[in-house]
Protein backbone atom coordinates (compact mmCIF):
# COMPACT_ATOMS: atom_id res chain seq x y z
CA UNK A 1 -40.09 -43.12 11.01
CA UNK A 2 -38.15 -45.31 8.85
CA UNK A 3 -36.18 -48.17 10.10
CA UNK A 4 -32.53 -49.07 9.01
CA UNK A 5 -30.99 -52.59 9.00
CA UNK A 6 -27.74 -52.90 10.76
CA UNK A 7 -25.23 -55.64 10.23
CA UNK A 8 -23.09 -56.46 12.95
CA UNK A 9 -20.46 -59.16 12.63
CA UNK A 10 -19.64 -61.07 15.48
CA UNK A 11 -17.45 -64.70 15.15
CA UNK A 12 -18.58 -66.22 11.92
CA UNK A 13 -22.41 -65.31 12.24
CA UNK A 14 -24.01 -62.51 10.55
CA UNK A 15 -26.78 -60.91 12.65
CA UNK A 16 -29.10 -58.30 11.33
CA UNK A 17 -31.12 -55.95 13.63
CA UNK A 18 -33.63 -53.49 12.85
CA UNK A 19 -32.84 -50.17 14.31
CA UNK A 20 -35.29 -47.38 14.64
CA UNK A 21 -33.88 -44.27 12.87
CA UNK A 22 -33.78 -41.33 15.15
CA UNK A 23 -34.52 -37.88 13.76
CA UNK A 24 -31.45 -35.35 13.93
CA UNK A 25 -32.58 -31.98 15.06
CA UNK A 26 -31.82 -29.27 12.97
CA UNK A 27 -30.71 -25.87 13.98
CA UNK A 28 -32.08 -22.52 13.27
CA UNK A 29 -30.11 -21.11 10.30
CA UNK A 30 -28.10 -17.97 11.23
CA UNK A 31 -28.61 -15.92 8.20
CA UNK A 32 -24.91 -14.65 8.57
CA UNK A 33 -23.57 -18.24 8.71
CA UNK A 34 -26.01 -20.42 7.01
CA UNK A 35 -26.01 -24.21 7.89
CA UNK A 36 -22.66 -24.91 9.27
CA UNK A 37 -21.12 -26.83 11.90
CA UNK A 38 -20.04 -25.64 15.26
CA UNK A 39 -16.20 -25.43 14.05
CA UNK A 40 -17.35 -23.69 11.11
CA UNK A 41 -19.34 -20.98 12.85
CA UNK A 42 -16.45 -20.45 15.21
CA UNK A 43 -14.13 -20.09 12.26
CA UNK A 44 -16.35 -17.58 10.57
CA UNK A 45 -17.21 -15.47 13.64
CA UNK A 46 -13.32 -15.21 14.04
CA UNK A 47 -12.97 -14.02 10.45
CA UNK A 48 -15.73 -11.28 11.12
CA UNK A 49 -13.92 -10.16 14.21
CA UNK A 50 -10.97 -9.96 12.19
CA UNK A 51 -12.31 -8.25 9.31
CA UNK A 52 -13.82 -5.68 11.68
CA UNK A 53 -10.39 -4.78 13.27
CA UNK A 54 -8.55 -4.74 9.80
CA UNK A 55 -9.75 -0.86 8.92
CA UNK A 56 -8.36 0.18 12.14
CA UNK A 57 -5.14 -1.78 11.94
CA UNK A 58 -4.43 -0.42 8.22
CA UNK A 59 -5.36 3.16 9.45
CA UNK A 60 -2.84 3.02 12.07
CA UNK A 61 -0.24 1.76 9.63
CA UNK A 62 -1.08 4.33 7.08
CA UNK A 63 -0.82 7.33 9.52
CA UNK A 64 2.70 5.67 10.46
CA UNK A 65 3.72 5.37 6.94
CA UNK A 66 2.50 8.97 6.11
CA UNK A 67 4.34 10.47 9.20
CA UNK A 68 7.82 8.64 8.20
CA UNK A 69 7.39 9.66 4.79
CA UNK A 70 6.84 13.11 5.82
CA UNK A 71 9.79 13.19 8.32
CA UNK A 72 12.22 11.33 5.67
CA UNK A 73 11.38 14.06 2.99
CA UNK A 74 11.67 16.99 5.13
CA UNK A 75 14.82 15.40 6.32
CA UNK A 76 16.03 14.89 2.45
CA UNK A 77 15.00 18.51 1.70
CA UNK A 78 17.11 19.93 4.86
CA UNK A 79 20.28 17.73 3.78
CA UNK A 80 20.05 19.20 0.09
CA UNK A 81 20.13 22.72 1.92
CA UNK A 82 22.76 22.16 4.15
CA UNK A 83 25.24 19.61 2.85
CA UNK A 84 24.81 18.66 -0.73
CA UNK A 85 27.95 16.80 -0.94
CA UNK A 86 26.26 13.85 0.93
CA UNK A 87 22.90 14.41 -0.52
CA UNK A 88 21.73 12.34 -2.96
CA UNK A 89 18.65 12.26 -5.45
CA UNK A 90 15.64 10.29 -4.46
CA UNK A 91 12.74 10.43 -6.56
CA UNK A 92 10.19 9.08 -3.92
CA UNK A 93 11.17 12.16 -1.74
CA UNK A 94 11.06 14.63 -4.35
CA UNK A 95 7.50 13.23 -5.44
CA UNK A 96 6.20 13.56 -1.92
CA UNK A 97 7.68 17.12 -1.42
CA UNK A 98 6.16 18.28 -5.07
CA UNK A 99 2.75 16.66 -4.04
CA UNK A 100 2.64 18.24 -0.31
CA UNK A 101 4.42 21.55 -0.71
CA UNK A 102 1.23 23.48 -0.75
CA UNK A 103 0.00 21.91 2.47
CA UNK A 104 0.99 24.01 5.31
CA UNK A 105 0.35 21.28 7.84
CA UNK A 106 2.95 19.07 6.04
CA UNK A 107 5.44 21.53 5.09
CA UNK A 108 6.06 24.34 7.56
CA UNK A 109 6.95 27.78 6.37
CA UNK A 110 10.84 27.44 6.75
CA UNK A 111 10.68 24.47 5.00
CA UNK A 112 8.84 25.51 2.08
CA UNK A 113 11.30 28.25 1.74
CA UNK A 114 14.06 25.71 1.13
CA UNK A 115 11.63 23.81 -1.14
CA UNK A 116 11.78 27.15 -3.15
CA UNK A 117 15.12 26.92 -3.36
CA UNK A 118 15.09 23.37 -4.42
CA UNK A 119 12.40 24.10 -7.13
CA UNK A 120 15.06 26.34 -8.72
CA UNK A 121 16.83 23.69 -9.96
CA UNK A 122 14.06 21.48 -10.86
CA UNK A 123 14.06 20.39 -14.58
CA UNK A 124 12.46 18.32 -17.30
CA UNK A 125 9.17 16.66 -16.79
CA UNK A 126 9.05 17.21 -13.14
CA UNK A 127 9.47 21.14 -13.60
CA UNK A 128 6.69 21.02 -16.45
CA UNK A 129 3.98 18.77 -14.33
CA UNK A 130 4.64 21.12 -11.25
CA UNK A 131 3.83 24.20 -13.40
CA UNK A 132 0.93 22.48 -14.88
CA UNK A 133 -0.73 21.44 -11.58
CA UNK A 134 0.22 24.93 -10.21
CA UNK A 135 -1.85 26.51 -13.00
CA UNK A 136 -4.62 24.21 -12.58
CA UNK A 137 -4.91 25.15 -8.94
CA UNK A 138 -5.18 28.71 -9.79
CA UNK A 139 -7.86 28.13 -12.47
CA UNK A 140 -9.68 25.78 -9.81
CA UNK A 141 -9.62 28.44 -7.00
CA UNK A 142 -10.99 31.13 -9.40
CA UNK A 143 -13.77 29.11 -10.65
CA UNK A 144 -14.40 28.17 -6.99
CA UNK A 145 -14.30 31.85 -6.13
CA UNK A 146 -17.03 32.52 -8.75
CA UNK A 147 -19.09 29.68 -7.70
CA UNK A 148 -18.65 30.33 -3.71
CA UNK A 149 -19.75 34.31 -4.64
CA UNK A 150 -23.11 32.81 -6.08
CA UNK A 151 -23.68 29.95 -3.56
CA UNK A 152 -21.90 31.11 -0.57
CA UNK A 153 -19.42 28.17 -0.22
CA UNK A 154 -16.02 28.00 1.15
CA UNK A 155 -13.25 27.48 -1.42
CA UNK A 156 -11.28 24.11 -1.35
CA UNK A 157 -7.88 26.22 -0.87
CA UNK A 158 -6.70 28.63 1.65
CA UNK A 159 -5.00 32.05 1.04
CA UNK A 160 -1.89 30.64 2.26
CA UNK A 161 -2.03 27.79 0.17
CA UNK A 162 -2.72 30.04 -3.11
CA UNK A 163 -0.05 32.18 -2.02
CA UNK A 164 2.50 29.14 -1.96
CA UNK A 165 1.10 28.46 -5.57
CA UNK A 166 1.73 31.94 -6.84
CA UNK A 167 5.33 31.78 -5.50
CA UNK A 168 5.95 28.50 -7.25
CA UNK A 169 4.35 29.79 -10.75
CA UNK A 170 6.82 33.14 -10.18
CA UNK A 171 9.87 31.12 -9.62
CA UNK A 172 9.16 28.77 -12.27
CA UNK A 173 8.19 30.89 -15.06
């Protein structure tokens, strides 16, 4: 052991004392935490718990946002159908509708009928992009049909979705 000198001041006299240095016990290093103090350990553990909960929270928020976007977009479409005077164009809603119009779970058959009417007035880049995407889906479905016959896999699009794509293509050509 090494010895340290300790100076203490009392009144006007300075005394020197020799004190044995007491070795400090080292904790075993936690591979996740490293060499840290208790407060640092507690903070790191809290952060790890937060990170573990974060994907659950973001998944719930994403679900809530997507349901809200769906409801707002469908209401936008229905308002367009019944009262065009109070209806106003909203690009975000149109984009959602164009992106999800082939999905039967997100857009019912009744709403898809309204969507077809809405598409009649579609113009410009939105119309061009919609046609290109529909053509690409048809092309992909043809390729996947050929591959599925050879490999016996399922097609990425259902027959109902492909029927919707055909209707859109017929309408926009």
